[in-house]
Amino acid sequence: MNAIEVIVLNDFALYMAIEALENLGQDSLAEGLKAIQGSARVPIPMILHCPKCHTQHIDAPGETIEVRGGEVCVDKWDNPPHRSHKCQKCNTTWRPADVCTTGVARIETKGKADTWSPE
């Protein structure tokens, strides 16, 4: 099992534990687990495409420069862990998973049974 699989399983286990505690009325314990879950977010690298215009979405630090109300505004983005993504082409915002993900140009690994490769 690789590090990404462990992260996904741990995040899913926390999610299931939180849900179980909430169903049992143990809200204070559930809130404690939510705090742990929120602080341990490591984004999972994924090949992402906008569900509306199908443009590939690649996350990276950067900045956007635009004019608002006659003033030039610079918005900086340092690419923190996040679940929702905004398409730079059509401005659609979507959530590909219930865990933090990061859009990458290609996946670094290949499985023995894989029949498709992005190269």
C-alpha atoms as a PDB file:
ATOM      1  CA  MET A   1       0.000   0.000   0.000  1.00  0.00           C
ATOM      2  CA  ASN A   2       1.437   3.392  -0.970  1.00  0.00           C
ATOM      3  CA  ALA A   3       1.225   6.670   0.964  1.00  0.00           C
ATOM      4  CA  ILE A   4      -1.719   8.014  -1.060  1.00  0.00           C
ATOM      5  CA  GLU A   5      -3.763   4.853  -0.402  1.00  0.00           C
ATOM      6  CA  VAL A   6      -3.046   5.156   3.333  1.00  0.00           C
ATOM      7  CA  ILE A   7      -4.117   8.826   3.325  1.00  0.00           C
ATOM      8  CA  VAL A   8      -7.371   8.002   1.505  1.00  0.00           C
ATOM      9  CA  LEU A   9      -8.167   5.102   3.839  1.00  0.00           C
ATOM     10  CA  ASN A  10      -7.374   7.166   6.939  1.00  0.00           C
ATOM     11  CA  ASP A  11      -9.495  10.087   5.698  1.00  0.00           C
ATOM     12  CA  PHE A  12     -12.380   7.730   4.893  1.00  0.00           C
ATOM     13  CA  ALA A  13     -12.043   6.039   8.310  1.00  0.00           C
ATOM     14  CA  LEU A  14     -12.233   9.450  10.023  1.00  0.00           C
ATOM     15  CA  TYR A  15     -15.277  10.350   7.906  1.00  0.00           C
ATOM     16  CA  MET A  16     -17.036   7.112   8.894  1.00  0.00           C
ATOM     17  CA  ALA A  17     -16.117   7.549  12.588  1.00  0.00           C
ATOM     18  CA  ILE A  18     -17.477  11.115  12.574  1.00  0.00           C
ATOM     19  CA  GLU A  19     -20.725   9.947  10.979  1.00  0.00           C
ATOM     20  CA  ALA A  20     -21.097   7.128  13.523  1.00  0.00           C
ATOM     21  CA  LEU A  21     -20.463   9.468  16.468  1.00  0.00           C
ATOM     22  CA  GLU A  22     -22.991  11.989  15.147  1.00  0.00           C
ATOM     23  CA  ASN A  23     -25.591   9.210  14.766  1.00  0.00           C
ATOM     24  CA  LEU A  24     -24.950   8.199  18.395  1.00  0.00           C
ATOM     25  CA  GLY A  25     -25.396  11.775  19.616  1.00  0.00           C
ATOM     26  CA  GLN A  26     -21.713  12.143  20.504  1.00  0.00           C
ATOM     27  CA  ASP A  27     -21.391  15.579  18.897  1.00  0.00           C
ATOM     28  CA  SER A  28     -18.428  16.806  20.974  1.00  0.00           C
ATOM     29  CA  LEU A  29     -16.353  13.739  20.021  1.00  0.00           C
ATOM     30  CA  ALA A  30     -17.422  14.136  16.386  1.00  0.00           C
ATOM     31  CA  GLU A  31     -16.305  17.793  16.431  1.00  0.00           C
ATOM     32  CA  GLY A  32     -12.918  16.728  17.818  1.00  0.00           C
ATOM     33  CA  LEU A  33     -12.456  14.253  14.981  1.00  0.00           C
ATOM     34  CA  LYS A  34     -13.493  16.901  12.446  1.00  0.00           C
ATOM     35  CA  ALA A  35     -10.701  19.143  13.769  1.00  0.00           C
ATOM     36  CA  ILE A  36      -8.175  16.322  13.380  1.00  0.00           C
ATOM     37  CA  GLN A  37      -9.467  15.543   9.898  1.00  0.00           C
ATOM     38  CA  GLY A  38      -9.278  19.197   8.826  1.00  0.00           C
ATOM     39  CA  SER A  39      -5.699  19.642  10.046  1.00  0.00           C
ATOM     40  CA  ALA A  40      -4.380  16.505   8.357  1.00  0.00           C
ATOM     41  CA  ARG A  41      -5.522  17.214   4.808  1.00  0.00           C
ATOM     42  CA  VAL A  42      -2.997  16.101   2.208  1.00  0.00           C
ATOM     43  CA  PRO A  43      -4.277  16.587  -1.352  1.00  0.00           C
ATOM     44  CA  ILE A  44      -4.516  13.513  -3.571  1.00  0.00           C
ATOM     45  CA  PRO A  45      -3.005  14.057  -7.035  1.00  0.00           C
ATOM     46  CA  MET A  46      -5.644  13.465  -9.740  1.00  0.00           C
ATOM     47  CA  ILE A  47      -6.092  14.129 -13.432  1.00  0.00           C
ATOM     48  CA  LEU A  48      -9.061  16.508 -13.329  1.00  0.00           C
ATOM     49  CA  HIS A  49     -11.225  17.867 -16.149  1.00  0.00           C
ATOM     50  CA  CYS A  50     -13.944  20.483 -15.844  1.00  0.00           C
ATOM     51  CA  PRO A  51     -17.334  18.701 -15.943  1.00  0.00           C
ATOM     52  CA  LYS A  52     -18.779  21.511 -18.097  1.00  0.00           C
ATOM     53  CA  CYS A  53     -16.148  22.400 -20.746  1.00  0.00           C
ATOM     54  CA  HIS A  54     -13.795  19.400 -20.262  1.00  0.00           C
ATOM     55  CA  THR A  55     -10.662  21.572 -19.968  1.00  0.00           C
ATOM     56  CA  GLN A  56      -7.943  19.847 -17.948  1.00  0.00           C
ATOM     57  CA  HIS A  57      -7.530  21.480 -14.532  1.00  0.00           C
ATOM     58  CA  ILE A  58      -3.973  21.712 -13.176  1.00  0.00           C
ATOM     59  CA  ASP A  59      -3.479  23.253  -9.740  1.00  0.00           C
ATOM     60  CA  ALA A  60      -0.406  25.404  -9.192  1.00  0.00           C
ATOM     61  CA  PRO A  61       0.538  28.510  -7.250  1.00  0.00           C
ATOM     62  CA  GLY A  62       0.027  31.675  -9.268  1.00  0.00           C
ATOM     63  CA  GLU A  63      -1.755  34.973  -9.535  1.00  0.00           C
ATOM     64  CA  THR A  64      -4.639  36.535 -11.416  1.00  0.00           C
ATOM     65  CA  ILE A  65      -4.542  40.135 -12.586  1.00  0.00           C
ATOM     66  CA  GLU A  66      -7.808  41.893 -13.463  1.00  0.00           C
ATOM     67  CA  VAL A  67      -9.333  45.359 -13.433  1.00  0.00           C
ATOM     68  CA  ARG A  68     -12.141  45.918 -10.904  1.00  0.00           C
ATOM     69  CA  GLY A  69     -13.793  49.311 -10.516  1.00  0.00           C
ATOM     70  CA  GLY A  70     -11.017  51.031 -12.437  1.00  0.00           C
ATOM     71  CA  GLU A  71      -8.282  49.521 -10.258  1.00  0.00           C
ATOM     72  CA  VAL A  72      -5.812  46.771 -11.149  1.00  0.00           C
ATOM     73  CA  CYS A  73      -6.214  43.914  -8.657  1.00  0.00           C
ATOM     74  CA  VAL A  74      -3.763  41.049  -8.152  1.00  0.00           C
ATOM     75  CA  ASP A  75      -5.102  37.895  -6.494  1.00  0.00           C
ATOM     76  CA  LYS A  76      -2.397  35.484  -5.337  1.00  0.00           C
ATOM     77  CA  TRP A  77      -3.038  31.750  -4.950  1.00  0.00           C
ATOM     78  CA  ASP A  78      -0.602  29.524  -3.047  1.00  0.00           C
ATOM     79  CA  ASN A  79      -2.531  26.284  -3.784  1.00  0.00           C
ATOM     80  CA  PRO A  80      -3.544  25.201  -0.249  1.00  0.00           C
ATOM     81  CA  PRO A  81      -5.289  21.817   0.229  1.00  0.00           C
ATOM     82  CA  HIS A  82      -8.831  22.112  -1.181  1.00  0.00           C
ATOM     83  CA  ARG A  83     -11.792  20.034  -2.349  1.00  0.00           C
ATOM     84  CA  SER A  84     -13.529  22.407  -4.773  1.00  0.00           C
ATOM     85  CA  HIS A  85     -11.884  23.462  -8.027  1.00  0.00           C
ATOM     86  CA  LYS A  86     -12.638  26.410 -10.333  1.00  0.00           C
ATOM     87  CA  CYS A  87     -12.168  26.057 -14.088  1.00  0.00           C
ATOM     88  CA  GLN A  88      -9.966  28.847 -15.461  1.00  0.00           C
ATOM     89  CA  LYS A  89     -11.752  28.648 -18.822  1.00  0.00           C
ATOM     90  CA  CYS A  90     -15.481  28.682 -17.982  1.00  0.00           C
ATOM     91  CA  ASN A  91     -15.460  29.508 -14.225  1.00  0.00           C
ATOM     92  CA  THR A  92     -17.393  26.364 -13.249  1.00  0.00           C
ATOM     93  CA  THR A  93     -16.674  25.290  -9.671  1.00  0.00           C
ATOM     94  CA  TRP A  94     -16.993  21.589  -8.839  1.00  0.00           C
ATOM     95  CA  ARG A  95     -15.928  19.043  -6.238  1.00  0.00           C
ATOM     96  CA  PRO A  96     -14.497  15.816  -7.694  1.00  0.00           C
ATOM     97  CA  ALA A  97     -14.254  14.032  -4.306  1.00  0.00           C
ATOM     98  CA  ASP A  98     -15.039  14.435  -0.608  1.00  0.00           C
ATOM     99  CA  VAL A  99     -11.308  14.656   0.159  1.00  0.00           C
ATOM    100  CA  CYS A 100      -8.702  17.244  -0.819  1.00  0.00           C
ATOM    101  CA  THR A 101      -7.428  16.793  -4.359  1.00  0.00           C
ATOM    102  CA  THR A 102      -4.940  18.576  -6.571  1.00  0.00           C
ATOM    103  CA  GLY A 103      -5.157  18.649 -10.351  1.00  0.00           C
ATOM    104  CA  VAL A 104      -1.955  17.376 -11.958  1.00  0.00           C
ATOM    105  CA  ALA A 105      -0.804  17.128 -15.569  1.00  0.00           C
ATOM    106  CA  ARG A 106      -0.045  13.424 -15.190  1.00  0.00           C
ATOM    107  CA  ILE A 107      -0.023  10.693 -12.565  1.00  0.00           C
ATOM    108  CA  GLU A 108       3.449   9.592 -11.496  1.00  0.00           C
ATOM    109  CA  THR A 109       2.715   5.872 -11.204  1.00  0.00           C
ATOM    110  CA  LYS A 110       1.460   3.150 -13.550  1.00  0.00           C
ATOM    111  CA  GLY A 111      -0.109  -0.134 -12.530  1.00  0.00           C
ATOM    112  CA  LYS A 112       0.620  -3.507 -14.137  1.00  0.00           C
ATOM    113  CA  ALA A 113      -2.973  -3.833 -15.392  1.00  0.00           C
ATOM    114  CA  ASP A 114      -3.269  -0.241 -16.713  1.00  0.00           C
ATOM    115  CA  THR A 115      -4.114  -0.088 -20.411  1.00  0.00           C
ATOM    116  CA  TRP A 116      -4.098   3.705 -20.782  1.00  0.00           C
ATOM    117  CA  SER A 117      -1.243   6.121 -20.250  1.00  0.00           C
ATOM    118  CA  PRO A 118      -1.451   9.929 -20.590  1.00  0.00           C
ATOM    119  CA  GLU A 119       1.870  10.082 -22.468  1.00  0.00           C
END
